[in-house]
């Protein structure tokens, strides 16, 4: 199964037509797949909070948005999540590379990893952790849930899910 294609197919099947992305090595394949799809308007962002603002605008304009980002910037998104996305009850699927977890080769990524789930829990954001490639089978249902309940939802995808970094 091609994980990048499955994720993008699920985005399209759930009528997600606006996706913003922040570059990450783990997410490169899915970003390329999103960019290649005519059904998705893809806007790269410089920062995660900027991307959330773009998603809010897309939602207000009648589009179903999603953001693809790294967990290392969760800290800078807290205000945007609370005062914009949550306050206005905007559904926002957040496909997040969970850097700093098992098989992570970059030591500085670990510090944010130890706070990621705690920050999301503190904000009452439903969070799912994809550790094995078979976990992607849940992605479609998670997207449906996000738009049913009008909440941001985090899908953490660690290095093991993406197959590591060619290190094993």
C-alpha atoms as a PDB file:
ATOM      1  CA  UNK A   1       0.000   0.000   0.000  1.00  0.00           C
ATOM      2  CA  UNK A   2       1.273   3.455  -0.902  1.00  0.00           C
ATOM      3  CA  UNK A   3       0.741   5.481   2.305  1.00  0.00           C
ATOM      4  CA  UNK A   4       1.034   8.872   0.596  1.00  0.00           C
ATOM      5  CA  UNK A   5      -1.592   7.955  -1.989  1.00  0.00           C
ATOM      6  CA  UNK A   6      -3.939   6.451   0.640  1.00  0.00           C
ATOM      7  CA  UNK A   7      -3.773   9.621   2.756  1.00  0.00           C
ATOM      8  CA  UNK A   8      -4.400  11.845  -0.251  1.00  0.00           C
ATOM      9  CA  UNK A   9      -7.196   9.616  -1.555  1.00  0.00           C
ATOM     10  CA  UNK A  10      -8.892   9.890   1.858  1.00  0.00           C
ATOM     11  CA  UNK A  11      -8.544  13.680   1.823  1.00  0.00           C
ATOM     12  CA  UNK A  12     -10.214  13.830  -1.591  1.00  0.00           C
ATOM     13  CA  UNK A  13     -12.910  11.284  -0.610  1.00  0.00           C
ATOM     14  CA  UNK A  14     -13.806  13.526   2.354  1.00  0.00           C
ATOM     15  CA  UNK A  15     -14.136  16.576   0.116  1.00  0.00           C
ATOM     16  CA  UNK A  16     -11.046  18.279   1.533  1.00  0.00           C
ATOM     17  CA  UNK A  17     -10.207  20.720  -1.225  1.00  0.00           C
ATOM     18  CA  UNK A  18      -7.756  23.064   0.545  1.00  0.00           C
ATOM     19  CA  UNK A  19      -4.519  21.841   2.095  1.00  0.00           C
ATOM     20  CA  UNK A  20      -1.663  23.858   3.463  1.00  0.00           C
ATOM     21  CA  UNK A  21       1.664  22.267   4.281  1.00  0.00           C
ATOM     22  CA  UNK A  22       4.859  23.083   6.141  1.00  0.00           C
ATOM     23  CA  UNK A  23       7.898  21.164   4.848  1.00  0.00           C
ATOM     24  CA  UNK A  24       9.143  18.080   6.693  1.00  0.00           C
ATOM     25  CA  UNK A  25      11.325  15.225   5.496  1.00  0.00           C
ATOM     26  CA  UNK A  26       8.861  12.622   6.803  1.00  0.00           C
ATOM     27  CA  UNK A  27       5.930  14.298   5.039  1.00  0.00           C
ATOM     28  CA  UNK A  28       7.655  14.955   1.695  1.00  0.00           C
ATOM     29  CA  UNK A  29       5.899  12.111  -0.142  1.00  0.00           C
ATOM     30  CA  UNK A  30       2.399  13.022   0.983  1.00  0.00           C
ATOM     31  CA  UNK A  31       3.063  16.714   0.251  1.00  0.00           C
ATOM     32  CA  UNK A  32       4.133  15.786  -3.307  1.00  0.00           C
ATOM     33  CA  UNK A  33       0.996  13.671  -3.719  1.00  0.00           C
ATOM     34  CA  UNK A  34      -1.244  16.494  -2.430  1.00  0.00           C
ATOM     35  CA  UNK A  35       0.461  18.982  -4.745  1.00  0.00           C
ATOM     36  CA  UNK A  36      -0.145  16.713  -7.747  1.00  0.00           C
ATOM     37  CA  UNK A  37      -3.898  16.404  -7.159  1.00  0.00           C
ATOM     38  CA  UNK A  38      -6.145  18.675  -9.198  1.00  0.00           C
ATOM     39  CA  UNK A  39      -8.956  18.266  -6.637  1.00  0.00           C
ATOM     40  CA  UNK A  40      -6.842  19.914  -3.924  1.00  0.00           C
ATOM     41  CA  UNK A  41      -5.796  23.549  -3.798  1.00  0.00           C
ATOM     42  CA  UNK A  42      -2.377  23.310  -2.132  1.00  0.00           C
ATOM     43  CA  UNK A  43      -0.743  26.321  -0.496  1.00  0.00           C
ATOM     44  CA  UNK A  44       2.642  25.834   1.196  1.00  0.00           C
ATOM     45  CA  UNK A  45       3.049  27.803   4.440  1.00  0.00           C
ATOM     46  CA  UNK A  46       6.146  29.235   6.069  1.00  0.00           C
ATOM     47  CA  UNK A  47       4.884  28.512   9.594  1.00  0.00           C
ATOM     48  CA  UNK A  48       2.255  26.268  11.156  1.00  0.00           C
ATOM     49  CA  UNK A  49       0.235  29.078  12.760  1.00  0.00           C
ATOM     50  CA  UNK A  50       0.168  30.900   9.414  1.00  0.00           C
ATOM     51  CA  UNK A  51      -1.124  27.692   7.828  1.00  0.00           C
ATOM     52  CA  UNK A  52      -3.911  27.456  10.390  1.00  0.00           C
ATOM     53  CA  UNK A  53      -4.940  31.006   9.519  1.00  0.00           C
ATOM     54  CA  UNK A  54      -5.083  30.037   5.845  1.00  0.00           C
ATOM     55  CA  UNK A  55      -7.215  27.011   6.757  1.00  0.00           C
ATOM     56  CA  UNK A  56      -9.578  29.222   8.753  1.00  0.00           C
ATOM     57  CA  UNK A  57     -10.009  31.485   5.745  1.00  0.00           C
ATOM     58  CA  UNK A  58     -10.650  28.507   3.488  1.00  0.00           C
ATOM     59  CA  UNK A  59     -13.280  27.169   5.937  1.00  0.00           C
ATOM     60  CA  UNK A  60     -15.010  30.563   6.078  1.00  0.00           C
ATOM     61  CA  UNK A  61     -14.938  30.594   2.281  1.00  0.00           C
ATOM     62  CA  UNK A  62     -16.787  27.287   2.083  1.00  0.00           C
ATOM     63  CA  UNK A  63     -13.865  24.881   1.641  1.00  0.00           C
ATOM     64  CA  UNK A  64     -12.932  21.873   3.771  1.00  0.00           C
ATOM     65  CA  UNK A  65      -9.318  22.456   4.858  1.00  0.00           C
ATOM     66  CA  UNK A  66      -6.494  20.384   6.320  1.00  0.00           C
ATOM     67  CA  UNK A  67      -2.973  21.170   7.461  1.00  0.00           C
ATOM     68  CA  UNK A  68       0.084  18.946   7.133  1.00  0.00           C
ATOM     69  CA  UNK A  69       2.843  19.937   9.558  1.00  0.00           C
ATOM     70  CA  UNK A  70       5.513  18.942  12.105  1.00  0.00           C
ATOM     71  CA  UNK A  71       4.900  18.621  15.830  1.00  0.00           C
ATOM     72  CA  UNK A  72       7.961  20.733  16.625  1.00  0.00           C
ATOM     73  CA  UNK A  73       5.930  23.912  16.083  1.00  0.00           C
ATOM     74  CA  UNK A  74       2.883  22.900  18.126  1.00  0.00           C
ATOM     75  CA  UNK A  75       3.943  25.455  20.722  1.00  0.00           C
ATOM     76  CA  UNK A  76       3.603  28.390  18.325  1.00  0.00           C
ATOM     77  CA  UNK A  77       0.144  27.230  17.216  1.00  0.00           C
ATOM     78  CA  UNK A  78      -1.490  27.216  20.658  1.00  0.00           C
ATOM     79  CA  UNK A  79      -2.897  30.749  20.415  1.00  0.00           C
ATOM     80  CA  UNK A  80      -4.205  30.232  16.882  1.00  0.00           C
ATOM     81  CA  UNK A  81      -5.779  26.913  17.835  1.00  0.00           C
ATOM     82  CA  UNK A  82      -7.503  28.339  20.921  1.00  0.00           C
ATOM     83  CA  UNK A  83      -8.602  31.792  19.752  1.00  0.00           C
ATOM     84  CA  UNK A  84      -9.440  31.000  16.141  1.00  0.00           C
ATOM     85  CA  UNK A  85      -9.902  27.320  15.322  1.00  0.00           C
ATOM     86  CA  UNK A  86     -11.499  26.180  18.608  1.00  0.00           C
ATOM     87  CA  UNK A  87     -13.337  29.413  19.435  1.00  0.00           C
ATOM     88  CA  UNK A  88     -15.121  29.416  16.080  1.00  0.00           C
ATOM     89  CA  UNK A  89     -15.611  25.608  16.110  1.00  0.00           C
ATOM     90  CA  UNK A  90     -13.726  25.021  12.897  1.00  0.00           C
ATOM     91  CA  UNK A  91     -12.960  21.448  11.921  1.00  0.00           C
ATOM     92  CA  UNK A  92      -9.277  21.092  11.128  1.00  0.00           C
ATOM     93  CA  UNK A  93      -7.602  17.765  10.443  1.00  0.00           C
ATOM     94  CA  UNK A  94      -3.929  18.167  11.373  1.00  0.00           C
ATOM     95  CA  UNK A  95      -1.693  15.489   9.879  1.00  0.00           C
ATOM     96  CA  UNK A  96       1.415  15.898  12.011  1.00  0.00           C
ATOM     97  CA  UNK A  97       4.809  14.272  11.698  1.00  0.00           C
ATOM     98  CA  UNK A  98       5.648  13.261  15.251  1.00  0.00           C
ATOM     99  CA  UNK A  99       9.330  14.123  15.298  1.00  0.00           C
ATOM    100  CA  UNK A 100      11.435  13.125  18.297  1.00  0.00           C
ATOM    101  CA  UNK A 101       9.902   9.696  18.779  1.00  0.00           C
ATOM    102  CA  UNK A 102      11.344   6.233  18.132  1.00  0.00           C
ATOM    103  CA  UNK A 103      13.773   6.046  15.170  1.00  0.00           C
ATOM    104  CA  UNK A 104      14.313   9.840  15.256  1.00  0.00           C
ATOM    105  CA  UNK A 105      17.929  10.621  14.269  1.00  0.00           C
ATOM    106  CA  UNK A 106      17.896  14.325  15.306  1.00  0.00           C
ATOM    107  CA  UNK A 107      18.354  14.755  19.076  1.00  0.00           C
ATOM    108  CA  UNK A 108      16.921  18.276  19.312  1.00  0.00           C
ATOM    109  CA  UNK A 109      13.551  17.002  18.003  1.00  0.00           C
ATOM    110  CA  UNK A 110      13.067  14.962  21.200  1.00  0.00           C
ATOM    111  CA  UNK A 111      12.420  17.971  23.425  1.00  0.00           C
ATOM    112  CA  UNK A 112       9.208  18.960  21.637  1.00  0.00           C
ATOM    113  CA  UNK A 113       8.101  15.346  21.328  1.00  0.00           C
ATOM    114  CA  UNK A 114       7.896  14.993  25.105  1.00  0.00           C
ATOM    115  CA  UNK A 115       5.428  17.919  25.209  1.00  0.00           C
ATOM    116  CA  UNK A 116       3.336  17.315  22.072  1.00  0.00           C
ATOM    117  CA  UNK A 117       0.687  14.947  23.438  1.00  0.00           C
ATOM    118  CA  UNK A 118       0.435  16.888  26.703  1.00  0.00           C
ATOM    119  CA  UNK A 119      -0.200  20.184  24.901  1.00  0.00           C
ATOM    120  CA  UNK A 120      -2.838  18.616  22.660  1.00  0.00           C
ATOM    121  CA  UNK A 121      -4.497  16.976  25.693  1.00  0.00           C
ATOM    122  CA  UNK A 122      -4.462  20.265  27.624  1.00  0.00           C
ATOM    123  CA  UNK A 123      -6.335  21.848  24.729  1.00  0.00           C
ATOM    124  CA  UNK A 124      -8.817  18.933  24.567  1.00  0.00           C
ATOM    125  CA  UNK A 125      -7.865  18.175  20.974  1.00  0.00           C
ATOM    126  CA  UNK A 126      -8.676  14.589  19.999  1.00  0.00           C
ATOM    127  CA  UNK A 127      -5.359  12.941  19.117  1.00  0.00           C
ATOM    128  CA  UNK A 128      -4.541   9.751  17.238  1.00  0.00           C
ATOM    129  CA  UNK A 129      -1.046   8.255  16.962  1.00  0.00           C
ATOM    130  CA  UNK A 130      -0.126   6.309  13.824  1.00  0.00           C
ATOM    131  CA  UNK A 131       2.846   4.083  14.661  1.00  0.00           C
ATOM    132  CA  UNK A 132       2.350   1.268  12.125  1.00  0.00           C
ATOM    133  CA  UNK A 133       1.470   1.635   8.454  1.00  0.00           C
ATOM    134  CA  UNK A 134      -1.725  -0.367   8.993  1.00  0.00           C
ATOM    135  CA  UNK A 135      -2.939   2.483  11.240  1.00  0.00           C
ATOM    136  CA  UNK A 136      -3.637   4.559   8.103  1.00  0.00           C
ATOM    137  CA  UNK A 137      -6.836   2.514   7.693  1.00  0.00           C
ATOM    138  CA  UNK A 138      -8.357   4.754  10.397  1.00  0.00           C
ATOM    139  CA  UNK A 139      -7.582   8.006   8.549  1.00  0.00           C
ATOM    140  CA  UNK A 140     -10.870   8.118   6.607  1.00  0.00           C
ATOM    141  CA  UNK A 141     -12.952   7.702   9.788  1.00  0.00           C
ATOM    142  CA  UNK A 142     -10.874  10.316  11.625  1.00  0.00           C
ATOM    143  CA  UNK A 143     -11.543  12.815   8.830  1.00  0.00           C
ATOM    144  CA  UNK A 144     -15.272  12.100   8.999  1.00  0.00           C
ATOM    145  CA  UNK A 145     -15.180  12.545  12.791  1.00  0.00           C
ATOM    146  CA  UNK A 146     -13.357  15.885  12.478  1.00  0.00           C
ATOM    147  CA  UNK A 147     -16.029  17.405  10.256  1.00  0.00           C
ATOM    148  CA  UNK A 148     -18.900  15.814  12.196  1.00  0.00           C
ATOM    149  CA  UNK A 149     -17.843  17.370  15.505  1.00  0.00           C
ATOM    150  CA  UNK A 150     -16.392  20.662  14.161  1.00  0.00           C
ATOM    151  CA  UNK A 151     -13.129  20.328  16.080  1.00  0.00           C
ATOM    152  CA  UNK A 152      -9.457  20.292  15.283  1.00  0.00           C
ATOM    153  CA  UNK A 153      -8.111  16.745  15.395  1.00  0.00           C
ATOM    154  CA  UNK A 154      -4.433  15.732  15.504  1.00  0.00           C
ATOM    155  CA  UNK A 155      -3.089  12.682  13.706  1.00  0.00           C
ATOM    156  CA  UNK A 156       0.485  12.090  14.890  1.00  0.00           C
ATOM    157  CA  UNK A 157       2.582  10.048  12.478  1.00  0.00           C
ATOM    158  CA  UNK A 158       5.946   8.927  13.823  1.00  0.00           C
ATOM    159  CA  UNK A 159       9.111   7.843  12.009  1.00  0.00           C
ATOM    160  CA  UNK A 160       8.155   4.178  12.356  1.00  0.00           C
ATOM    161  CA  UNK A 161       4.903   4.864  10.481  1.00  0.00           C
ATOM    162  CA  UNK A 162       6.834   6.488   7.639  1.00  0.00           C
ATOM    163  CA  UNK A 163       9.417   3.700   7.567  1.00  0.00           C
ATOM    164  CA  UNK A 164      12.194   5.456   9.459  1.00  0.00           C
ATOM    165  CA  UNK A 165      14.933   7.392   7.802  1.00  0.00           C
ATOM    166  CA  UNK A 166      16.614   4.529   5.983  1.00  0.00           C
ATOM    167  CA  UNK A 167      18.571   3.918   9.195  1.00  0.00           C
ATOM    168  CA  UNK A 168      17.311   0.414   9.942  1.00  0.00           C
END
